[in-house]
Amino acid sequence: MRTDLSLEYDKIMAELCQEFGIVNSQLHKWKKALLDGGAGVFKGTSKPQQSANIDIDKLHATIGRLKVENDFLERVLGRSR
């Protein structure tokens, strides 16, 4: 009976690979990664949130810098025309 389940499992895996256009080994890597570290998603740690806040701050700084540069260039180009 175990053999039947194994064959059915392989068939499902093959169907998923075909449906999403991936190779079987990639699907097995993703499954292993999920089984090894998937529980960590639900632990509720605040570290990813802090990282996201830092990234947002960097993006806001970049946007501000680009805005100043664009304003400067508009003024310079407007005066030279």
PDB file of N, CA and C in Angstrom:
ATOM      1  N   MET A   1       0.825  -1.193   0.000  1.00  0.00           N
ATOM      2  CA  MET A   1       0.000   0.000   0.000  1.00  0.00           C
ATOM      3  C   MET A   1       0.874   1.265   0.000  1.00  0.00           C
ATOM      4  N   ARG A   2       1.987   1.220   0.633  1.00  0.00           N
ATOM      5  CA  ARG A   2       2.900   2.366   0.664  1.00  0.00           C
ATOM      6  C   ARG A   2       3.376   2.716  -0.749  1.00  0.00           C
ATOM      7  N   THR A   3       3.576   1.726  -1.576  1.00  0.00           N
ATOM      8  CA  THR A   3       4.018   1.948  -2.942  1.00  0.00           C
ATOM      9  C   THR A   3       2.967   2.740  -3.713  1.00  0.00           C
ATOM     10  N   ASP A   4       1.697   2.437  -3.502  1.00  0.00           N
ATOM     11  CA  ASP A   4       0.625   3.160  -4.193  1.00  0.00           C
ATOM     12  C   ASP A   4       0.636   4.630  -3.811  1.00  0.00           C
ATOM     13  N   LEU A   5       0.812   4.908  -2.533  1.00  0.00           N
ATOM     14  CA  LEU A   5       0.855   6.299  -2.090  1.00  0.00           C
ATOM     15  C   LEU A   5       2.045   7.023  -2.688  1.00  0.00           C
ATOM     16  N   SER A   6       3.173   6.322  -2.743  1.00  0.00           N
ATOM     17  CA  SER A   6       4.381   6.921  -3.296  1.00  0.00           C
ATOM     18  C   SER A   6       4.197   7.242  -4.778  1.00  0.00           C
ATOM     19  N   LEU A   7       3.608   6.330  -5.515  1.00  0.00           N
ATOM     20  CA  LEU A   7       3.366   6.568  -6.941  1.00  0.00           C
ATOM     21  C   LEU A   7       2.383   7.716  -7.145  1.00  0.00           C
ATOM     22  N   GLU A   8       1.351   7.773  -6.301  1.00  0.00           N
ATOM     23  CA  GLU A   8       0.372   8.858  -6.407  1.00  0.00           C
ATOM     24  C   GLU A   8       1.038  10.197  -6.081  1.00  0.00           C
ATOM     25  N   TYR A   9       1.897  10.217  -5.082  1.00  0.00           N
ATOM     26  CA  TYR A   9       2.619  11.428  -4.699  1.00  0.00           C
ATOM     27  C   TYR A   9       3.507  11.896  -5.851  1.00  0.00           C
ATOM     28  N   ASP A  10       4.225  10.967  -6.473  1.00  0.00           N
ATOM     29  CA  ASP A  10       5.088  11.321  -7.604  1.00  0.00           C
ATOM     30  C   ASP A  10       4.275  11.872  -8.765  1.00  0.00           C
ATOM     31  N   LYS A  11       3.094  11.315  -8.976  1.00  0.00           N
ATOM     32  CA  LYS A  11       2.232  11.796 -10.054  1.00  0.00           C
ATOM     33  C   LYS A  11       1.788  13.233  -9.769  1.00  0.00           C
ATOM     34  N   ILE A  12       1.418  13.515  -8.547  1.00  0.00           N
ATOM     35  CA  ILE A  12       1.004  14.867  -8.175  1.00  0.00           C
ATOM     36  C   ILE A  12       2.170  15.833  -8.334  1.00  0.00           C
ATOM     37  N   MET A  13       3.352  15.437  -7.900  1.00  0.00           N
ATOM     38  CA  MET A  13       4.539  16.281  -8.033  1.00  0.00           C
ATOM     39  C   MET A  13       4.828  16.562  -9.508  1.00  0.00           C
ATOM     40  N   ALA A  14       4.733  15.541 -10.337  1.00  0.00           N
ATOM     41  CA  ALA A  14       4.977  15.709 -11.776  1.00  0.00           C
ATOM     42  C   ALA A  14       3.945  16.659 -12.389  1.00  0.00           C
ATOM     43  N   GLU A  15       2.690  16.556 -11.960  1.00  0.00           N
ATOM     44  CA  GLU A  15       1.648  17.446 -12.476  1.00  0.00           C
ATOM     45  C   GLU A  15       1.920  18.897 -12.074  1.00  0.00           C
ATOM     46  N   LEU A  16       2.357  19.096 -10.832  1.00  0.00           N
ATOM     47  CA  LEU A  16       2.677  20.452 -10.380  1.00  0.00           C
ATOM     48  C   LEU A  16       3.844  21.040 -11.178  1.00  0.00           C
ATOM     49  N   CYS A  17       4.871  20.225 -11.383  1.00  0.00           N
ATOM     50  CA  CYS A  17       6.029  20.689 -12.152  1.00  0.00           C
ATOM     51  C   CYS A  17       5.622  21.068 -13.566  1.00  0.00           C
ATOM     52  N   GLN A  18       4.793  20.252 -14.173  1.00  0.00           N
ATOM     53  CA  GLN A  18       4.350  20.535 -15.532  1.00  0.00           C
ATOM     54  C   GLN A  18       3.470  21.784 -15.565  1.00  0.00           C
ATOM     55  N   GLU A  19       2.582  21.907 -14.618  1.00  0.00           N
ATOM     56  CA  GLU A  19       1.664  23.050 -14.581  1.00  0.00           C
ATOM     57  C   GLU A  19       2.413  24.371 -14.424  1.00  0.00           C
ATOM     58  N   PHE A  20       3.429  24.393 -13.568  1.00  0.00           N
ATOM     59  CA  PHE A  20       4.142  25.636 -13.290  1.00  0.00           C
ATOM     60  C   PHE A  20       5.451  25.774 -14.058  1.00  0.00           C
ATOM     61  N   GLY A  21       5.776  24.798 -14.890  1.00  0.00           N
ATOM     62  CA  GLY A  21       6.953  24.881 -15.727  1.00  0.00           C
ATOM     63  C   GLY A  21       8.268  24.875 -14.956  1.00  0.00           C
ATOM     64  N   ILE A  22       8.347  24.031 -13.935  1.00  0.00           N
ATOM     65  CA  ILE A  22       9.576  23.916 -13.147  1.00  0.00           C
ATOM     66  C   ILE A  22      10.057  22.476 -13.174  1.00  0.00           C
ATOM     67  N   VAL A  23      11.316  22.294 -12.826  1.00  0.00           N
ATOM     68  CA  VAL A  23      11.851  20.934 -12.774  1.00  0.00           C
ATOM     69  C   VAL A  23      11.572  20.331 -11.405  1.00  0.00           C
ATOM     70  N   ASN A  24      11.537  19.019 -11.379  1.00  0.00           N
ATOM     71  CA  ASN A  24      11.192  18.276 -10.172  1.00  0.00           C
ATOM     72  C   ASN A  24      12.134  18.605  -9.014  1.00  0.00           C
ATOM     73  N   SER A  25      13.431  18.769  -9.315  1.00  0.00           N
ATOM     74  CA  SER A  25      14.394  19.034  -8.242  1.00  0.00           C
ATOM     75  C   SER A  25      14.112  20.381  -7.567  1.00  0.00           C
ATOM     76  N   GLN A  26      13.652  21.382  -8.331  1.00  0.00           N
ATOM     77  CA  GLN A  26      13.347  22.686  -7.751  1.00  0.00           C
ATOM     78  C   GLN A  26      12.177  22.570  -6.773  1.00  0.00           C
ATOM     79  N   LEU A  27      11.156  21.818  -7.165  1.00  0.00           N
ATOM     80  CA  LEU A  27      10.005  21.634  -6.286  1.00  0.00           C
ATOM     81  C   LEU A  27      10.418  20.929  -4.995  1.00  0.00           C
ATOM     82  N   HIS A  28      11.310  19.960  -5.101  1.00  0.00           N
ATOM     83  CA  HIS A  28      11.791  19.273  -3.898  1.00  0.00           C
ATOM     84  C   HIS A  28      12.605  20.217  -3.005  1.00  0.00           C
ATOM     85  N   LYS A  29      13.407  21.115  -3.599  1.00  0.00           N
ATOM     86  CA  LYS A  29      14.166  22.096  -2.806  1.00  0.00           C
ATOM     87  C   LYS A  29      13.222  23.020  -2.053  1.00  0.00           C
ATOM     88  N   TRP A  30      12.173  23.483  -2.755  1.00  0.00           N
ATOM     89  CA  TRP A  30      11.208  24.377  -2.104  1.00  0.00           C
ATOM     90  C   TRP A  30      10.479  23.661  -0.967  1.00  0.00           C
ATOM     91  N   LYS A  31      10.128  22.402  -1.195  1.00  0.00           N
ATOM     92  CA  LYS A  31       9.438  21.630  -0.160  1.00  0.00           C
ATOM     93  C   LYS A  31      10.341  21.457   1.062  1.00  0.00           C
ATOM     94  N   LYS A  32      11.623  21.141   0.824  1.00  0.00           N
ATOM     95  CA  LYS A  32      12.564  20.971   1.930  1.00  0.00           C
ATOM     96  C   LYS A  32      12.726  22.284   2.700  1.00  0.00           C
ATOM     97  N   ALA A  33      12.829  23.409   1.972  1.00  0.00           N
ATOM     98  CA  ALA A  33      12.967  24.706   2.628  1.00  0.00           C
ATOM     99  C   ALA A  33      11.736  25.014   3.476  1.00  0.00           C
ATOM    100  N   LEU A  34      10.565  24.676   2.978  1.00  0.00           N
ATOM    101  CA  LEU A  34       9.334  24.893   3.731  1.00  0.00           C
ATOM    102  C   LEU A  34       9.292  24.033   4.980  1.00  0.00           C
ATOM    103  N   LEU A  35       9.637  22.776   4.844  1.00  0.00           N
ATOM    104  CA  LEU A  35       9.605  21.874   5.994  1.00  0.00           C
ATOM    105  C   LEU A  35      10.667  22.247   7.029  1.00  0.00           C
ATOM    106  N   ASP A  36      11.839  22.702   6.571  1.00  0.00           N
ATOM    107  CA  ASP A  36      12.917  23.059   7.495  1.00  0.00           C
ATOM    108  C   ASP A  36      12.669  24.391   8.204  1.00  0.00           C
ATOM    109  N   GLY A  37      12.123  25.372   7.514  1.00  0.00           N
ATOM    110  CA  GLY A  37      12.015  26.695   8.117  1.00  0.00           C
ATOM    111  C   GLY A  37      10.638  27.322   8.081  1.00  0.00           C
ATOM    112  N   GLY A  38       9.662  26.588   7.638  1.00  0.00           N
ATOM    113  CA  GLY A  38       8.317  27.147   7.494  1.00  0.00           C
ATOM    114  C   GLY A  38       7.686  27.575   8.802  1.00  0.00           C
ATOM    115  N   ALA A  39       7.979  26.878   9.882  1.00  0.00           N
ATOM    116  CA  ALA A  39       7.385  27.222  11.174  1.00  0.00           C
ATOM    117  C   ALA A  39       7.839  28.601  11.644  1.00  0.00           C
ATOM    118  N   GLY A  40       9.014  29.035  11.225  1.00  0.00           N
ATOM    119  CA  GLY A  40       9.534  30.335  11.625  1.00  0.00           C
ATOM    120  C   GLY A  40       8.691  31.495  11.134  1.00  0.00           C
ATOM    121  N   VAL A  41       7.903  31.270  10.109  1.00  0.00           N
ATOM    122  CA  VAL A  41       7.035  32.319   9.569  1.00  0.00           C
ATOM    123  C   VAL A  41       6.001  32.738  10.610  1.00  0.00           C
ATOM    124  N   PHE A  42       5.578  31.803  11.446  1.00  0.00           N
ATOM    125  CA  PHE A  42       4.495  32.058  12.383  1.00  0.00           C
ATOM    126  C   PHE A  42       4.962  32.369  13.804  1.00  0.00           C
ATOM    127  N   LYS A  43       6.254  32.572  14.009  1.00  0.00           N
ATOM    128  CA  LYS A  43       6.763  32.819  15.357  1.00  0.00           C
ATOM    129  C   LYS A  43       6.490  34.231  15.841  1.00  0.00           C
ATOM    130  N   GLY A  44       6.222  35.146  14.945  1.00  0.00           N
ATOM    131  CA  GLY A  44       5.879  36.503  15.354  1.00  0.00           C
ATOM    132  C   GLY A  44       7.055  37.345  15.775  1.00  0.00           C
ATOM    133  N   THR A  45       8.214  37.111  15.214  1.00  0.00           N
ATOM    134  CA  THR A  45       9.365  37.925  15.563  1.00  0.00           C
ATOM    135  C   THR A  45       9.229  39.300  14.925  1.00  0.00           C
ATOM    136  N   SER A  46       9.788  40.304  15.573  1.00  0.00           N
ATOM    137  CA  SER A  46       9.663  41.666  15.066  1.00  0.00           C
ATOM    138  C   SER A  46      10.829  42.062  14.181  1.00  0.00           C
ATOM    139  N   LYS A  47      11.806  41.211  14.014  1.00  0.00           N
ATOM    140  CA  LYS A  47      12.991  41.543  13.233  1.00  0.00           C
ATOM    141  C   LYS A  47      12.668  41.875  11.774  1.00  0.00           C
ATOM    142  N   PRO A  48      11.851  41.099  11.063  1.00  0.00           N
ATOM    143  CA  PRO A  48      11.534  41.466   9.687  1.00  0.00           C
ATOM    144  C   PRO A  48      10.849  42.828   9.592  1.00  0.00           C
ATOM    145  N   GLN A  49      10.024  43.180  10.552  1.00  0.00           N
ATOM    146  CA  GLN A  49       9.355  44.472  10.541  1.00  0.00           C
ATOM    147  C   GLN A  49      10.365  45.604  10.697  1.00  0.00           C
ATOM    148  N   GLN A  50      11.351  45.424  11.554  1.00  0.00           N
ATOM    149  CA  GLN A  50      12.387  46.436  11.730  1.00  0.00           C
ATOM    150  C   GLN A  50      13.180  46.603  10.449  1.00  0.00           C
ATOM    151  N   SER A  51      13.483  45.500   9.788  1.00  0.00           N
ATOM    152  CA  SER A  51      14.205  45.549   8.532  1.00  0.00           C
ATOM    153  C   SER A  51      13.394  46.293   7.479  1.00  0.00           C
ATOM    154  N   ALA A  52      12.101  46.057   7.449  1.00  0.00           N
ATOM    155  CA  ALA A  52      11.236  46.739   6.487  1.00  0.00           C
ATOM    156  C   ALA A  52      11.204  48.233   6.760  1.00  0.00           C
ATOM    157  N   ASN A  53      11.180  48.619   8.027  1.00  0.00           N
ATOM    158  CA  ASN A  53      11.179  50.043   8.370  1.00  0.00           C
ATOM    159  C   ASN A  53      12.475  50.710   7.931  1.00  0.00           C
ATOM    160  N   ILE A  54      13.596  50.023   8.095  1.00  0.00           N
ATOM    161  CA  ILE A  54      14.886  50.572   7.678  1.00  0.00           C
ATOM    162  C   ILE A  54      14.895  50.750   6.162  1.00  0.00           C
ATOM    163  N   ASP A  55      14.378  49.757   5.443  1.00  0.00           N
ATOM    164  CA  ASP A  55      14.324  49.850   3.984  1.00  0.00           C
ATOM    165  C   ASP A  55      13.442  51.009   3.547  1.00  0.00           C
ATOM    166  N   ILE A  56      12.327  51.206   4.208  1.00  0.00           N
ATOM    167  CA  ILE A  56      11.419  52.305   3.864  1.00  0.00           C
ATOM    168  C   ILE A  56      12.096  53.640   4.128  1.00  0.00           C
ATOM    169  N   ASP A  57      12.822  53.753   5.231  1.00  0.00           N
ATOM    170  CA  ASP A  57      13.548  54.989   5.528  1.00  0.00           C
ATOM    171  C   ASP A  57      14.586  55.291   4.447  1.00  0.00           C
ATOM    172  N   LYS A  58      15.305  54.252   3.991  1.00  0.00           N
ATOM    173  CA  LYS A  58      16.288  54.445   2.926  1.00  0.00           C
ATOM    174  C   LYS A  58      15.613  54.898   1.642  1.00  0.00           C
ATOM    175  N   LEU A  59      14.463  54.305   1.332  1.00  0.00           N
ATOM    176  CA  LEU A  59      13.742  54.690   0.122  1.00  0.00           C
ATOM    177  C   LEU A  59      13.243  56.129   0.207  1.00  0.00           C
ATOM    178  N   HIS A  60      12.743  56.522   1.357  1.00  0.00           N
ATOM    179  CA  HIS A  60      12.297  57.910   1.530  1.00  0.00           C
ATOM    180  C   HIS A  60      13.468  58.884   1.364  1.00  0.00           C
ATOM    181  N   ALA A  61      14.622  58.522   1.884  1.00  0.00           N
ATOM    182  CA  ALA A  61      15.798  59.382   1.740  1.00  0.00           C
ATOM    183  C   ALA A  61      16.195  59.499   0.273  1.00  0.00           C
ATOM    184  N   THR A  62      16.153  58.390  -0.437  1.00  0.00           N
ATOM    185  CA  THR A  62      16.486  58.408  -1.865  1.00  0.00           C
ATOM    186  C   THR A  62      15.495  59.253  -2.644  1.00  0.00           C
ATOM    187  N   ILE A  63      14.217  59.113  -2.333  1.00  0.00           N
ATOM    188  CA  ILE A  63      13.193  59.915  -3.007  1.00  0.00           C
ATOM    189  C   ILE A  63      13.425  61.398  -2.746  1.00  0.00           C
ATOM    190  N   GLY A  64      13.730  61.755  -1.521  1.00  0.00           N
ATOM    191  CA  GLY A  64      13.992  63.152  -1.184  1.00  0.00           C
ATOM    192  C   GLY A  64      15.193  63.707  -1.934  1.00  0.00           C
ATOM    193  N   ARG A  65      16.252  62.912  -2.006  1.00  0.00           N
ATOM    194  CA  ARG A  65      17.454  63.345  -2.725  1.00  0.00           C
ATOM    195  C   ARG A  65      17.151  63.542  -4.199  1.00  0.00           C
ATOM    196  N   LEU A  66      16.430  62.610  -4.799  1.00  0.00           N
ATOM    197  CA  LEU A  66      16.090  62.726  -6.219  1.00  0.00           C
ATOM    198  C   LEU A  66      15.174  63.915  -6.488  1.00  0.00           C
ATOM    199  N   LYS A  67      14.274  64.200  -5.570  1.00  0.00           N
ATOM    200  CA  LYS A  67      13.380  65.353  -5.717  1.00  0.00           C
ATOM    201  C   LYS A  67      14.193  66.645  -5.725  1.00  0.00           C
ATOM    202  N   VAL A  68      15.144  66.758  -4.809  1.00  0.00           N
ATOM    203  CA  VAL A  68      15.995  67.953  -4.755  1.00  0.00           C
ATOM    204  C   VAL A  68      16.795  68.080  -6.054  1.00  0.00           C
ATOM    205  N   GLU A  69      17.354  66.964  -6.534  1.00  0.00           N
ATOM    206  CA  GLU A  69      18.116  67.000  -7.778  1.00  0.00           C
ATOM    207  C   GLU A  69      17.239  67.420  -8.963  1.00  0.00           C
ATOM    208  N   ASN A  70      16.047  66.867  -9.042  1.00  0.00           N
ATOM    209  CA  ASN A  70      15.136  67.220 -10.137  1.00  0.00           C
ATOM    210  C   ASN A  70      14.742  68.688 -10.078  1.00  0.00           C
ATOM    211  N   ASP A  71      14.435  69.187  -8.893  1.00  0.00           N
ATOM    212  CA  ASP A  71      14.076  70.602  -8.750  1.00  0.00           C
ATOM    213  C   ASP A  71      15.228  71.499  -9.190  1.00  0.00           C
ATOM    214  N   PHE A  72      16.446  71.135  -8.788  1.00  0.00           N
ATOM    215  CA  PHE A  72      17.620  71.912  -9.164  1.00  0.00           C
ATOM    216  C   PHE A  72      17.796  71.926 -10.690  1.00  0.00           C
ATOM    217  N   LEU A  73      17.689  70.756 -11.299  1.00  0.00           N
ATOM    218  CA  LEU A  73      17.872  70.667 -12.744  1.00  0.00           C
ATOM    219  C   LEU A  73      16.778  71.423 -13.501  1.00  0.00           C
ATOM    220  N   GLU A  74      15.560  71.388 -13.005  1.00  0.00           N
ATOM    221  CA  GLU A  74      14.481  72.147 -13.635  1.00  0.00           C
ATOM    222  C   GLU A  74      14.774  73.642 -13.574  1.00  0.00           C
ATOM    223  N   ARG A  75      15.270  74.116 -12.446  1.00  0.00           N
ATOM    224  CA  ARG A  75      15.602  75.537 -12.311  1.00  0.00           C
ATOM    225  C   ARG A  75      16.728  75.932 -13.252  1.00  0.00           C
ATOM    226  N   VAL A  76      17.784  75.109 -13.299  1.00  0.00           N
ATOM    227  CA  VAL A  76      18.935  75.397 -14.156  1.00  0.00           C
ATOM    228  C   VAL A  76      18.526  75.389 -15.625  1.00  0.00           C
ATOM    229  N   LEU A  77      17.774  74.386 -16.029  1.00  0.00           N
ATOM    230  CA  LEU A  77      17.354  74.293 -17.428  1.00  0.00           C
ATOM    231  C   LEU A  77      16.371  75.394 -17.790  1.00  0.00           C
ATOM    232  N   GLY A  78      15.541  75.764 -16.846  1.00  0.00           N
ATOM    233  CA  GLY A  78      14.577  76.840 -17.099  1.00  0.00           C
ATOM    234  C   GLY A  78      15.267  78.176 -17.296  1.00  0.00           C
ATOM    235  N   ARG A  79      16.358  78.422 -16.609  1.00  0.00           N
ATOM    236  CA  ARG A  79      17.097  79.683 -16.713  1.00  0.00           C
ATOM    237  C   ARG A  79      17.907  79.750 -18.005  1.00  0.00           C
ATOM    238  N   SER A  80      18.369  78.602 -18.493  1.00  0.00           N
ATOM    239  CA  SER A  80      19.245  78.609 -19.667  1.00  0.00           C
ATOM    240  C   SER A  80      18.461  78.682 -20.974  1.00  0.00           C
ATOM    241  N   ARG A  81      17.176  78.490 -20.940  1.00  0.00           N
ATOM    242  CA  ARG A  81      16.374  78.520 -22.175  1.00  0.00           C
ATOM    243  C   ARG A  81      15.963  79.859 -22.541  1.00  0.00           C
TER     244      ARG A  81
END
